[in-house]
Amino acid sequence: MIMAGKAKLSRREKIKKGIRKRILGTSVRPRLSVYRSNKGIYAQIVNDELGVTIVAASSSSKSFDFSGTKIDQAKEIGKIVAQKAIETGITQVVFDRNGYLYHGRVKSLADGAREVGLNF
């Protein structure tokens, strides 16, 4: 018998593989990848052609000083990663929700990035 936690992870892994078949981060349009844990949210912009992380931000970093709900924190991380991306000259990305459903914290992060001016 498969435990509920393992079933949920294997389901997310299947969804993630399907997404990653279609999405590829290039130097012209890198990939904005989101990872969500119980305590924090992490976002990074990746160039898959070179295998390089260009920009990253997380709610667990020491420089992140924002209190509020997890959804508010996710929106703030989206704004931070978008600001860093625009500073490096990136205005367009492809969004990789990493197998998570597009609602709640994942949607909030995407909305925060769009507010600053990142297009996807």
PDB file of N, CA and C in Angstrom:
ATOM      1  N   MET A   1       0.838  -1.187   0.000  1.00  0.00           N
ATOM      2  CA  MET A   1       0.000   0.000   0.000  1.00  0.00           C
ATOM      3  C   MET A   1       0.878   1.243   0.000  1.00  0.00           C
ATOM      4  N   ILE A   2       0.552   2.172  -0.865  1.00  0.00           N
ATOM      5  CA  ILE A   2       1.299   3.422  -0.964  1.00  0.00           C
ATOM      6  C   ILE A   2       0.735   4.413   0.045  1.00  0.00           C
ATOM      7  N   MET A   3       1.641   5.039   0.784  1.00  0.00           N
ATOM      8  CA  MET A   3       1.211   6.041   1.761  1.00  0.00           C
ATOM      9  C   MET A   3       0.756   7.292   1.024  1.00  0.00           C
ATOM     10  N   ALA A   4      -0.103   8.083   1.668  1.00  0.00           N
ATOM     11  CA  ALA A   4      -0.687   9.268   1.026  1.00  0.00           C
ATOM     12  C   ALA A   4       0.381  10.275   0.611  1.00  0.00           C
ATOM     13  N   GLY A   5       1.391  10.494   1.429  1.00  0.00           N
ATOM     14  CA  GLY A   5       2.446  11.449   1.114  1.00  0.00           C
ATOM     15  C   GLY A   5       3.234  11.042  -0.115  1.00  0.00           C
ATOM     16  N   LYS A   6       3.541   9.750  -0.226  1.00  0.00           N
ATOM     17  CA  LYS A   6       4.292   9.262  -1.378  1.00  0.00           C
ATOM     18  C   LYS A   6       3.458   9.348  -2.650  1.00  0.00           C
ATOM     19  N   ALA A   7       2.175   9.084  -2.538  1.00  0.00           N
ATOM     20  CA  ALA A   7       1.295   9.156  -3.704  1.00  0.00           C
ATOM     21  C   ALA A   7       1.227  10.588  -4.219  1.00  0.00           C
ATOM     22  N   LYS A   8       1.175  11.543  -3.298  1.00  0.00           N
ATOM     23  CA  LYS A   8       1.101  12.945  -3.677  1.00  0.00           C
ATOM     24  C   LYS A   8       2.389  13.375  -4.380  1.00  0.00           C
ATOM     25  N   LEU A   9       3.534  12.934  -3.847  1.00  0.00           N
ATOM     26  CA  LEU A   9       4.811  13.279  -4.457  1.00  0.00           C
ATOM     27  C   LEU A   9       4.970  12.635  -5.831  1.00  0.00           C
ATOM     28  N   SER A  10       4.563  11.378  -5.967  1.00  0.00           N
ATOM     29  CA  SER A  10       4.711  10.719  -7.263  1.00  0.00           C
ATOM     30  C   SER A  10       3.782  11.363  -8.294  1.00  0.00           C
ATOM     31  N   ARG A  11       2.615  11.810  -7.875  1.00  0.00           N
ATOM     32  CA  ARG A  11       1.694  12.503  -8.774  1.00  0.00           C
ATOM     33  C   ARG A  11       2.325  13.809  -9.246  1.00  0.00           C
ATOM     34  N   ARG A  12       2.925  14.565  -8.315  1.00  0.00           N
ATOM     35  CA  ARG A  12       3.566  15.825  -8.675  1.00  0.00           C
ATOM     36  C   ARG A  12       4.742  15.597  -9.605  1.00  0.00           C
ATOM     37  N   GLU A  13       5.499  14.528  -9.377  1.00  0.00           N
ATOM     38  CA  GLU A  13       6.636  14.206 -10.240  1.00  0.00           C
ATOM     39  C   GLU A  13       6.179  13.896 -11.663  1.00  0.00           C
ATOM     40  N   LYS A  14       5.059  13.190 -11.815  1.00  0.00           N
ATOM     41  CA  LYS A  14       4.520  12.895 -13.147  1.00  0.00           C
ATOM     42  C   LYS A  14       4.103  14.178 -13.859  1.00  0.00           C
ATOM     43  N   ILE A  15       3.427  15.063 -13.140  1.00  0.00           N
ATOM     44  CA  ILE A  15       3.001  16.332 -13.713  1.00  0.00           C
ATOM     45  C   ILE A  15       4.228  17.154 -14.100  1.00  0.00           C
ATOM     46  N   LYS A  16       5.233  17.161 -13.216  1.00  0.00           N
ATOM     47  CA  LYS A  16       6.456  17.922 -13.443  1.00  0.00           C
ATOM     48  C   LYS A  16       7.173  17.455 -14.705  1.00  0.00           C
ATOM     49  N   LYS A  17       7.263  16.143 -14.901  1.00  0.00           N
ATOM     50  CA  LYS A  17       7.914  15.605 -16.101  1.00  0.00           C
ATOM     51  C   LYS A  17       7.166  16.027 -17.364  1.00  0.00           C
ATOM     52  N   GLY A  18       5.838  16.033 -17.303  1.00  0.00           N
ATOM     53  CA  GLY A  18       5.048  16.462 -18.453  1.00  0.00           C
ATOM     54  C   GLY A  18       5.260  17.919 -18.786  1.00  0.00           C
ATOM     55  N   ILE A  19       5.383  18.742 -17.758  1.00  0.00           N
ATOM     56  CA  ILE A  19       5.611  20.172 -17.964  1.00  0.00           C
ATOM     57  C   ILE A  19       6.995  20.396 -18.558  1.00  0.00           C
ATOM     58  N   ARG A  20       7.997  19.710 -18.001  1.00  0.00           N
ATOM     59  CA  ARG A  20       9.382  19.921 -18.424  1.00  0.00           C
ATOM     60  C   ARG A  20       9.664  19.392 -19.826  1.00  0.00           C
ATOM     61  N   LYS A  21       8.804  18.516 -20.342  1.00  0.00           N
ATOM     62  CA  LYS A  21       8.946  18.074 -21.733  1.00  0.00           C
ATOM     63  C   LYS A  21       8.678  19.241 -22.684  1.00  0.00           C
ATOM     64  N   ARG A  22       7.740  20.102 -22.287  1.00  0.00           N
ATOM     65  CA  ARG A  22       7.317  21.197 -23.148  1.00  0.00           C
ATOM     66  C   ARG A  22       8.048  22.499 -22.892  1.00  0.00           C
ATOM     67  N   ILE A  23       8.585  22.680 -21.686  1.00  0.00           N
ATOM     68  CA  ILE A  23       9.197  23.956 -21.306  1.00  0.00           C
ATOM     69  C   ILE A  23      10.712  23.823 -21.289  1.00  0.00           C
ATOM     70  N   LEU A  24      11.375  24.793 -21.912  1.00  0.00           N
ATOM     71  CA  LEU A  24      12.830  24.838 -21.911  1.00  0.00           C
ATOM     72  C   LEU A  24      13.257  26.294 -21.767  1.00  0.00           C
ATOM     73  N   GLY A  25      14.137  26.550 -20.824  1.00  0.00           N
ATOM     74  CA  GLY A  25      14.631  27.899 -20.628  1.00  0.00           C
ATOM     75  C   GLY A  25      15.806  28.170 -21.547  1.00  0.00           C
ATOM     76  N   THR A  26      15.712  29.200 -22.362  1.00  0.00           N
ATOM     77  CA  THR A  26      16.787  29.562 -23.280  1.00  0.00           C
ATOM     78  C   THR A  26      17.432  30.858 -22.804  1.00  0.00           C
ATOM     79  N   SER A  27      18.472  31.284 -23.498  1.00  0.00           N
ATOM     80  CA  SER A  27      19.106  32.543 -23.119  1.00  0.00           C
ATOM     81  C   SER A  27      18.202  33.734 -23.448  1.00  0.00           C
ATOM     82  N   VAL A  28      17.353  33.584 -24.455  1.00  0.00           N
ATOM     83  CA  VAL A  28      16.421  34.657 -24.818  1.00  0.00           C
ATOM     84  C   VAL A  28      15.249  34.685 -23.841  1.00  0.00           C
ATOM     85  N   ARG A  29      14.764  33.505 -23.483  1.00  0.00           N
ATOM     86  CA  ARG A  29      13.604  33.389 -22.607  1.00  0.00           C
ATOM     87  C   ARG A  29      13.853  32.297 -21.570  1.00  0.00           C
ATOM     88  N   PRO A  30      14.502  32.640 -20.443  1.00  0.00           N
ATOM     89  CA  PRO A  30      14.811  31.632 -19.431  1.00  0.00           C
ATOM     90  C   PRO A  30      13.559  31.157 -18.683  1.00  0.00           C
ATOM     91  N   ARG A  31      13.753  30.142 -17.866  1.00  0.00           N
ATOM     92  CA  ARG A  31      12.645  29.496 -17.151  1.00  0.00           C
ATOM     93  C   ARG A  31      12.586  30.000 -15.710  1.00  0.00           C
ATOM     94  N   LEU A  32      11.396  30.433 -15.280  1.00  0.00           N
ATOM     95  CA  LEU A  32      11.162  30.822 -13.893  1.00  0.00           C
ATOM     96  C   LEU A  32      10.597  29.610 -13.168  1.00  0.00           C
ATOM     97  N   SER A  33      11.421  28.988 -12.346  1.00  0.00           N
ATOM     98  CA  SER A  33      11.049  27.770 -11.642  1.00  0.00           C
ATOM     99  C   SER A  33      10.658  28.089 -10.205  1.00  0.00           C
ATOM    100  N   VAL A  34       9.579  27.462  -9.742  1.00  0.00           N
ATOM    101  CA  VAL A  34       9.054  27.699  -8.401  1.00  0.00           C
ATOM    102  C   VAL A  34       9.119  26.401  -7.608  1.00  0.00           C
ATOM    103  N   TYR A  35       9.600  26.496  -6.367  1.00  0.00           N
ATOM    104  CA  TYR A  35       9.547  25.357  -5.453  1.00  0.00           C
ATOM    105  C   TYR A  35       8.852  25.821  -4.191  1.00  0.00           C
ATOM    106  N   ARG A  36       7.938  25.000  -3.720  1.00  0.00           N
ATOM    107  CA  ARG A  36       7.135  25.354  -2.561  1.00  0.00           C
ATOM    108  C   ARG A  36       7.318  24.299  -1.487  1.00  0.00           C
ATOM    109  N   SER A  37       7.712  24.715  -0.285  1.00  0.00           N
ATOM    110  CA  SER A  37       7.775  23.790   0.836  1.00  0.00           C
ATOM    111  C   SER A  37       6.734  24.219   1.860  1.00  0.00           C
ATOM    112  N   ASN A  38       6.643  23.491   2.953  1.00  0.00           N
ATOM    113  CA  ASN A  38       5.663  23.870   3.974  1.00  0.00           C
ATOM    114  C   ASN A  38       6.016  25.196   4.633  1.00  0.00           C
ATOM    115  N   LYS A  39       7.306  25.479   4.757  1.00  0.00           N
ATOM    116  CA  LYS A  39       7.731  26.696   5.457  1.00  0.00           C
ATOM    117  C   LYS A  39       8.026  27.863   4.529  1.00  0.00           C
ATOM    118  N   GLY A  40       8.483  27.617   3.325  1.00  0.00           N
ATOM    119  CA  GLY A  40       8.906  28.717   2.474  1.00  0.00           C
ATOM    120  C   GLY A  40       8.594  28.499   1.020  1.00  0.00           C
ATOM    121  N   ILE A  41       8.974  29.491   0.226  1.00  0.00           N
ATOM    122  CA  ILE A  41       8.814  29.406  -1.225  1.00  0.00           C
ATOM    123  C   ILE A  41      10.097  29.910  -1.870  1.00  0.00           C
ATOM    124  N   TYR A  42      10.481  29.268  -2.955  1.00  0.00           N
ATOM    125  CA  TYR A  42      11.746  29.540  -3.617  1.00  0.00           C
ATOM    126  C   TYR A  42      11.472  29.744  -5.101  1.00  0.00           C
ATOM    127  N   ALA A  43      12.172  30.711  -5.700  1.00  0.00           N
ATOM    128  CA  ALA A  43      12.026  30.968  -7.129  1.00  0.00           C
ATOM    129  C   ALA A  43      13.408  31.195  -7.709  1.00  0.00           C
ATOM    130  N   GLN A  44      13.619  30.649  -8.894  1.00  0.00           N
ATOM    131  CA  GLN A  44      14.887  30.898  -9.576  1.00  0.00           C
ATOM    132  C   GLN A  44      14.648  30.980 -11.076  1.00  0.00           C
ATOM    133  N   ILE A  45      15.480  31.768 -11.732  1.00  0.00           N
ATOM    134  CA  ILE A  45      15.413  31.904 -13.177  1.00  0.00           C
ATOM    135  C   ILE A  45      16.618  31.164 -13.743  1.00  0.00           C
ATOM    136  N   VAL A  46      16.340  30.200 -14.637  1.00  0.00           N
ATOM    137  CA  VAL A  46      17.351  29.257 -15.097  1.00  0.00           C
ATOM    138  C   VAL A  46      17.477  29.292 -16.617  1.00  0.00           C
ATOM    139  N   ASN A  47      18.718  29.267 -17.089  1.00  0.00           N
ATOM    140  CA  ASN A  47      19.004  29.075 -18.508  1.00  0.00           C
ATOM    141  C   ASN A  47      19.363  27.603 -18.678  1.00  0.00           C
ATOM    142  N   ASP A  48      18.463  26.816 -19.261  1.00  0.00           N
ATOM    143  CA  ASP A  48      18.678  25.376 -19.395  1.00  0.00           C
ATOM    144  C   ASP A  48      19.713  25.035 -20.457  1.00  0.00           C
ATOM    145  N   GLU A  49      19.908  25.901 -21.438  1.00  0.00           N
ATOM    146  CA  GLU A  49      20.914  25.630 -22.472  1.00  0.00           C
ATOM    147  C   GLU A  49      22.312  25.585 -21.867  1.00  0.00           C
ATOM    148  N   LEU A  50      22.593  26.521 -20.948  1.00  0.00           N
ATOM    149  CA  LEU A  50      23.900  26.588 -20.311  1.00  0.00           C
ATOM    150  C   LEU A  50      23.931  25.862 -18.965  1.00  0.00           C
ATOM    151  N   GLY A  51      22.750  25.536 -18.432  1.00  0.00           N
ATOM    152  CA  GLY A  51      22.683  24.890 -17.130  1.00  0.00           C
ATOM    153  C   GLY A  51      23.072  25.826 -15.999  1.00  0.00           C
ATOM    154  N   VAL A  52      22.625  27.082 -16.095  1.00  0.00           N
ATOM    155  CA  VAL A  52      23.040  28.111 -15.146  1.00  0.00           C
ATOM    156  C   VAL A  52      21.810  28.759 -14.506  1.00  0.00           C
ATOM    157  N   THR A  53      21.889  28.961 -13.191  1.00  0.00           N
ATOM    158  CA  THR A  53      20.878  29.754 -12.499  1.00  0.00           C
ATOM    159  C   THR A  53      21.293  31.212 -12.581  1.00  0.00           C
ATOM    160  N   ILE A  54      20.433  32.041 -13.149  1.00  0.00           N
ATOM    161  CA  ILE A  54      20.752  33.447 -13.365  1.00  0.00           C
ATOM    162  C   ILE A  54      20.389  34.274 -12.132  1.00  0.00           C
ATOM    163  N   VAL A  55      19.190  34.082 -11.627  1.00  0.00           N
ATOM    164  CA  VAL A  55      18.675  34.851 -10.494  1.00  0.00           C
ATOM    165  C   VAL A  55      17.919  33.904  -9.575  1.00  0.00           C
ATOM    166  N   ALA A  56      18.023  34.131  -8.264  1.00  0.00           N
ATOM    167  CA  ALA A  56      17.270  33.313  -7.312  1.00  0.00           C
ATOM    168  C   ALA A  56      16.822  34.169  -6.136  1.00  0.00           C
ATOM    169  N   ALA A  57      15.699  33.770  -5.528  1.00  0.00           N
ATOM    170  CA  ALA A  57      15.197  34.426  -4.316  1.00  0.00           C
ATOM    171  C   ALA A  57      14.406  33.395  -3.518  1.00  0.00           C
ATOM    172  N   SER A  58      14.469  33.509  -2.199  1.00  0.00           N
ATOM    173  CA  SER A  58      13.704  32.588  -1.363  1.00  0.00           C
ATOM    174  C   SER A  58      13.257  33.277  -0.090  1.00  0.00           C
ATOM    175  N   SER A  59      12.179  32.764   0.472  1.00  0.00           N
ATOM    176  CA  SER A  59      11.649  33.336   1.705  1.00  0.00           C
ATOM    177  C   SER A  59      12.457  32.892   2.908  1.00  0.00           C
ATOM    178  N   SER A  60      13.334  31.916   2.752  1.00  0.00           N
ATOM    179  CA  SER A  60      14.138  31.442   3.881  1.00  0.00           C
ATOM    180  C   SER A  60      15.511  32.096   3.947  1.00  0.00           C
ATOM    181  N   SER A  61      15.828  32.979   2.987  1.00  0.00           N
ATOM    182  CA  SER A  61      17.127  33.641   3.016  1.00  0.00           C
ATOM    183  C   SER A  61      17.163  34.679   4.144  1.00  0.00           C
ATOM    184  N   LYS A  62      18.354  34.942   4.641  1.00  0.00           N
ATOM    185  CA  LYS A  62      18.499  35.864   5.767  1.00  0.00           C
ATOM    186  C   LYS A  62      18.188  37.300   5.368  1.00  0.00           C
ATOM    187  N   SER A  63      18.375  37.644   4.090  1.00  0.00           N
ATOM    188  CA  SER A  63      18.111  39.007   3.642  1.00  0.00           C
ATOM    189  C   SER A  63      16.611  39.284   3.492  1.00  0.00           C
ATOM    190  N   PHE A  64      15.794  38.227   3.435  1.00  0.00           N
ATOM    191  CA  PHE A  64      14.341  38.388   3.293  1.00  0.00           C
ATOM    192  C   PHE A  64      13.742  38.641   4.667  1.00  0.00           C
ATOM    193  N   ASP A  65      13.264  39.853   4.883  1.00  0.00           N
ATOM    194  CA  ASP A  65      12.687  40.239   6.169  1.00  0.00           C
ATOM    195  C   ASP A  65      11.283  40.753   5.922  1.00  0.00           C
ATOM    196  N   PHE A  66      10.332  39.838   5.873  1.00  0.00           N
ATOM    197  CA  PHE A  66       8.948  40.201   5.586  1.00  0.00           C
ATOM    198  C   PHE A  66       8.052  39.279   6.389  1.00  0.00           C
ATOM    199  N   SER A  67       7.202  39.846   7.196  1.00  0.00           N
ATOM    200  CA  SER A  67       6.270  39.014   7.948  1.00  0.00           C
ATOM    201  C   SER A  67       4.884  39.192   7.343  1.00  0.00           C
ATOM    202  N   GLY A  68       4.141  38.138   7.340  1.00  0.00           N
ATOM    203  CA  GLY A  68       2.811  38.142   6.768  1.00  0.00           C
ATOM    204  C   GLY A  68       2.406  36.709   6.470  1.00  0.00           C
ATOM    205  N   THR A  69       1.309  36.549   5.775  1.00  0.00           N
ATOM    206  CA  THR A  69       0.885  35.197   5.435  1.00  0.00           C
ATOM    207  C   THR A  69       1.820  34.612   4.380  1.00  0.00           C
ATOM    208  N   LYS A  70       1.744  33.315   4.189  1.00  0.00           N
ATOM    209  CA  LYS A  70       2.590  32.657   3.193  1.00  0.00           C
ATOM    210  C   LYS A  70       2.284  33.173   1.787  1.00  0.00           C
ATOM    211  N   ILE A  71       1.037  33.510   1.534  1.00  0.00           N
ATOM    212  CA  ILE A  71       0.655  34.036   0.222  1.00  0.00           C
ATOM    213  C   ILE A  71       1.274  35.420   0.008  1.00  0.00           C
ATOM    214  N   ASP A  72       1.274  36.247   1.051  1.00  0.00           N
ATOM    215  CA  ASP A  72       1.910  37.566   0.951  1.00  0.00           C
ATOM    216  C   ASP A  72       3.419  37.426   0.753  1.00  0.00           C
ATOM    217  N   GLN A  73       4.029  36.462   1.440  1.00  0.00           N
ATOM    218  CA  GLN A  73       5.462  36.220   1.282  1.00  0.00           C
ATOM    219  C   GLN A  73       5.776  35.782  -0.137  1.00  0.00           C
ATOM    220  N   ALA A  74       4.936  34.918  -0.708  1.00  0.00           N
ATOM    221  CA  ALA A  74       5.147  34.443  -2.070  1.00  0.00           C
ATOM    222  C   ALA A  74       5.074  35.600  -3.066  1.00  0.00           C
ATOM    223  N   LYS A  75       4.139  36.502  -2.859  1.00  0.00           N
ATOM    224  CA  LYS A  75       4.008  37.656  -3.751  1.00  0.00           C
ATOM    225  C   LYS A  75       5.254  38.528  -3.671  1.00  0.00           C
ATOM    226  N   GLU A  76       5.775  38.708  -2.461  1.00  0.00           N
ATOM    227  CA  GLU A  76       6.979  39.513  -2.265  1.00  0.00           C
ATOM    228  C   GLU A  76       8.196  38.858  -2.928  1.00  0.00           C
ATOM    229  N   ILE A  77       8.306  37.539  -2.831  1.00  0.00           N
ATOM    230  CA  ILE A  77       9.404  36.813  -3.491  1.00  0.00           C
ATOM    231  C   ILE A  77       9.291  36.968  -4.998  1.00  0.00           C
ATOM    232  N   GLY A  78       8.072  36.922  -5.534  1.00  0.00           N
ATOM    233  CA  GLY A  78       7.867  37.143  -6.963  1.00  0.00           C
ATOM    234  C   GLY A  78       8.346  38.523  -7.392  1.00  0.00           C
ATOM    235  N   LYS A  79       8.071  39.524  -6.570  1.00  0.00           N
ATOM    236  CA  LYS A  79       8.516  40.884  -6.881  1.00  0.00           C
ATOM    237  C   LYS A  79      10.045  40.977  -6.834  1.00  0.00           C
ATOM    238  N   ILE A  80      10.648  40.350  -5.827  1.00  0.00           N
ATOM    239  CA  ILE A  80      12.110  40.400  -5.670  1.00  0.00           C
ATOM    240  C   ILE A  80      12.803  39.722  -6.845  1.00  0.00           C
ATOM    241  N   VAL A  81      12.344  38.529  -7.215  1.00  0.00           N
ATOM    242  CA  VAL A  81      12.994  37.802  -8.312  1.00  0.00           C
ATOM    243  C   VAL A  81      12.794  38.549  -9.624  1.00  0.00           C
ATOM    244  N   ALA A  82      11.647  39.192  -9.808  1.00  0.00           N
ATOM    245  CA  ALA A  82      11.406  39.962 -11.031  1.00  0.00           C
ATOM    246  C   ALA A  82      12.300  41.194 -11.089  1.00  0.00           C
ATOM    247  N   GLN A  83      12.474  41.876  -9.966  1.00  0.00           N
ATOM    248  CA  GLN A  83      13.354  43.042  -9.936  1.00  0.00           C
ATOM    249  C   GLN A  83      14.789  42.653 -10.272  1.00  0.00           C
ATOM    250  N   LYS A  84      15.257  41.546  -9.686  1.00  0.00           N
ATOM    251  CA  LYS A  84      16.620  41.075  -9.970  1.00  0.00           C
ATOM    252  C   LYS A  84      16.762  40.707 -11.448  1.00  0.00           C
ATOM    253  N   ALA A  85      15.725  40.082 -12.005  1.00  0.00           N
ATOM    254  CA  ALA A  85      15.767  39.675 -13.415  1.00  0.00           C
ATOM    255  C   ALA A  85      15.822  40.887 -14.331  1.00  0.00           C
ATOM    256  N   ILE A  86      15.015  41.884 -14.047  1.00  0.00           N
ATOM    257  CA  ILE A  86      14.979  43.078 -14.883  1.00  0.00           C
ATOM    258  C   ILE A  86      16.314  43.820 -14.793  1.00  0.00           C
ATOM    259  N   GLU A  87      16.941  43.812 -13.606  1.00  0.00           N
ATOM    260  CA  GLU A  87      18.260  44.431 -13.454  1.00  0.00           C
ATOM    261  C   GLU A  87      19.319  43.744 -14.315  1.00  0.00           C
ATOM    262  N   THR A  88      19.168  42.418 -14.514  1.00  0.00           N
ATOM    263  CA  THR A  88      20.125  41.690 -15.350  1.00  0.00           C
ATOM    264  C   THR A  88      19.737  41.695 -16.821  1.00  0.00           C
ATOM    265  N   GLY A  89      18.616  42.335 -17.173  1.00  0.00           N
ATOM    266  CA  GLY A  89      18.222  42.466 -18.572  1.00  0.00           C
ATOM    267  C   GLY A  89      17.225  41.434 -19.050  1.00  0.00           C
ATOM    268  N   ILE A  90      16.613  40.704 -18.153  1.00  0.00           N
ATOM    269  CA  ILE A  90      15.623  39.683 -18.528  1.00  0.00           C
ATOM    270  C   ILE A  90      14.230  40.271 -18.339  1.00  0.00           C
ATOM    271  N   THR A  91      13.436  40.272 -19.414  1.00  0.00           N
ATOM    272  CA  THR A  91      12.070  40.786 -19.314  1.00  0.00           C
ATOM    273  C   THR A  91      11.033  39.717 -19.627  1.00  0.00           C
ATOM    274  N   GLN A  92      11.443  38.653 -20.331  1.00  0.00           N
ATOM    275  CA  GLN A  92      10.510  37.577 -20.679  1.00  0.00           C
ATOM    276  C   GLN A  92      11.033  36.247 -20.163  1.00  0.00           C
ATOM    277  N   VAL A  93      10.126  35.472 -19.559  1.00  0.00           N
ATOM    278  CA  VAL A  93      10.471  34.140 -19.052  1.00  0.00           C
ATOM    279  C   VAL A  93       9.343  33.176 -19.383  1.00  0.00           C
ATOM    280  N   VAL A  94       9.629  31.890 -19.248  1.00  0.00           N
ATOM    281  CA  VAL A  94       8.571  30.877 -19.286  1.00  0.00           C
ATOM    282  C   VAL A  94       8.365  30.423 -17.850  1.00  0.00           C
ATOM    283  N   PHE A  95       7.128  30.224 -17.450  1.00  0.00           N
ATOM    284  CA  PHE A  95       6.801  29.905 -16.056  1.00  0.00           C
ATOM    285  C   PHE A  95       6.736  28.395 -15.871  1.00  0.00           C
ATOM    286  N   ASP A  96       7.520  27.899 -14.922  1.00  0.00           N
ATOM    287  CA  ASP A  96       7.542  26.476 -14.580  1.00  0.00           C
ATOM    288  C   ASP A  96       6.966  26.327 -13.183  1.00  0.00           C
ATOM    289  N   ARG A  97       5.734  25.842 -13.102  1.00  0.00           N
ATOM    290  CA  ARG A  97       5.091  25.708 -11.800  1.00  0.00           C
ATOM    291  C   ARG A  97       5.543  24.455 -11.066  1.00  0.00           C
ATOM    292  N   ASN A  98       6.396  23.662 -11.704  1.00  0.00           N
ATOM    293  CA  ASN A  98       7.086  22.540 -11.058  1.00  0.00           C
ATOM    294  C   ASN A  98       6.144  21.458 -10.544  1.00  0.00           C
ATOM    295  N   GLY A  99       5.010  21.275 -11.208  1.00  0.00           N
ATOM    296  CA  GLY A  99       4.077  20.222 -10.817  1.00  0.00           C
ATOM    297  C   GLY A  99       3.034  20.657  -9.812  1.00  0.00           C
ATOM    298  N   TYR A 100       3.144  21.874  -9.301  1.00  0.00           N
ATOM    299  CA  TYR A 100       2.159  22.376  -8.350  1.00  0.00           C
ATOM    300  C   TYR A 100       0.972  22.940  -9.108  1.00  0.00           C
ATOM    301  N   LEU A 101      -0.191  22.920  -8.481  1.00  0.00           N
ATOM    302  CA  LEU A 101      -1.361  23.523  -9.085  1.00  0.00           C
ATOM    303  C   LEU A 101      -1.200  25.038  -9.093  1.00  0.00           C
ATOM    304  N   TYR A 102      -1.725  25.683 -10.122  1.00  0.00           N
ATOM    305  CA  TYR A 102      -1.586  27.127 -10.262  1.00  0.00           C
ATOM    306  C   TYR A 102      -2.665  27.829  -9.453  1.00  0.00           C
ATOM    307  N   HIS A 103      -2.459  27.881  -8.148  1.00  0.00           N
ATOM    308  CA  HIS A 103      -3.324  28.646  -7.257  1.00  0.00           C
ATOM    309  C   HIS A 103      -2.583  28.844  -5.952  1.00  0.00           C
ATOM    310  N   GLY A 104      -3.103  29.690  -5.106  1.00  0.00           N
ATOM    311  CA  GLY A 104      -2.477  29.922  -3.810  1.00  0.00           C
ATOM    312  C   GLY A 104      -1.134  30.602  -3.930  1.00  0.00           C
ATOM    313  N   ARG A 105      -0.115  30.007  -3.307  1.00  0.00           N
ATOM    314  CA  ARG A 105       1.212  30.632  -3.256  1.00  0.00           C
ATOM    315  C   ARG A 105       1.885  30.697  -4.620  1.00  0.00           C
ATOM    316  N   VAL A 106       1.679  29.688  -5.456  1.00  0.00           N
ATOM    317  CA  VAL A 106       2.297  29.681  -6.785  1.00  0.00           C
ATOM    318  C   VAL A 106       1.711  30.809  -7.636  1.00  0.00           C
ATOM    319  N   LYS A 107       0.415  30.968  -7.594  1.00  0.00           N
ATOM    320  CA  LYS A 107      -0.237  32.040  -8.345  1.00  0.00           C
ATOM    321  C   LYS A 107       0.165  33.405  -7.804  1.00  0.00           C
ATOM    322  N   SER A 108       0.272  33.520  -6.492  1.00  0.00           N
ATOM    323  CA  SER A 108       0.660  34.775  -5.868  1.00  0.00           C
ATOM    324  C   SER A 108       2.071  35.182  -6.288  1.00  0.00           C
ATOM    325  N   LEU A 109       2.994  34.231  -6.350  1.00  0.00           N
ATOM    326  CA  LEU A 109       4.350  34.513  -6.803  1.00  0.00           C
ATOM    327  C   LEU A 109       4.341  35.013  -8.246  1.00  0.00           C
ATOM    328  N   ALA A 110       3.563  34.357  -9.092  1.00  0.00           N
ATOM    329  CA  ALA A 110       3.476  34.762 -10.495  1.00  0.00           C
ATOM    330  C   ALA A 110       2.882  36.163 -10.626  1.00  0.00           C
ATOM    331  N   ASP A 111       1.856  36.454  -9.848  1.00  0.00           N
ATOM    332  CA  ASP A 111       1.236  37.783  -9.887  1.00  0.00           C
ATOM    333  C   ASP A 111       2.210  38.864  -9.428  1.00  0.00           C
ATOM    334  N   GLY A 112       2.986  38.571  -8.397  1.00  0.00           N
ATOM    335  CA  GLY A 112       3.984  39.524  -7.916  1.00  0.00           C
ATOM    336  C   GLY A 112       5.043  39.815  -8.968  1.00  0.00           C
ATOM    337  N   ALA A 113       5.474  38.774  -9.686  1.00  0.00           N
ATOM    338  CA  ALA A 113       6.474  38.952 -10.745  1.00  0.00           C
ATOM    339  C   ALA A 113       5.899  39.761 -11.897  1.00  0.00           C
ATOM    340  N   ARG A 114       4.649  39.534 -12.230  1.00  0.00           N
ATOM    341  CA  ARG A 114       4.008  40.297 -13.305  1.00  0.00           C
ATOM    342  C   ARG A 114       3.836  41.767 -12.940  1.00  0.00           C
ATOM    343  N   GLU A 115       3.547  42.047 -11.649  1.00  0.00           N
ATOM    344  CA  GLU A 115       3.361  43.427 -11.211  1.00  0.00           C
ATOM    345  C   GLU A 115       4.599  44.273 -11.460  1.00  0.00           C
ATOM    346  N   VAL A 116       5.769  43.676 -11.269  1.00  0.00           N
ATOM    347  CA  VAL A 116       7.024  44.413 -11.433  1.00  0.00           C
ATOM    348  C   VAL A 116       7.348  44.609 -12.916  1.00  0.00           C
ATOM    349  N   GLY A 117       6.848  43.726 -13.783  1.00  0.00           N
ATOM    350  CA  GLY A 117       7.070  43.922 -15.220  1.00  0.00           C
ATOM    351  C   GLY A 117       7.641  42.730 -15.951  1.00  0.00           C
ATOM    352  N   LEU A 118       7.694  41.585 -15.300  1.00  0.00           N
ATOM    353  CA  LEU A 118       8.175  40.374 -15.957  1.00  0.00           C
ATOM    354  C   LEU A 118       7.047  39.794 -16.815  1.00  0.00           C
ATOM    355  N   ASN A 119       7.348  39.443 -18.062  1.00  0.00           N
ATOM    356  CA  ASN A 119       6.323  38.934 -18.984  1.00  0.00           C
ATOM    357  C   ASN A 119       6.449  37.427 -19.132  1.00  0.00           C
ATOM    358  N   PHE A 120       5.316  36.727 -18.951  1.00  0.00           N
ATOM    359  CA  PHE A 120       5.233  35.291 -19.231  1.00  0.00           C
ATOM    360  C   PHE A 120       3.799  34.881 -19.412  1.00  0.00           C
TER     361      PHE A 120
END
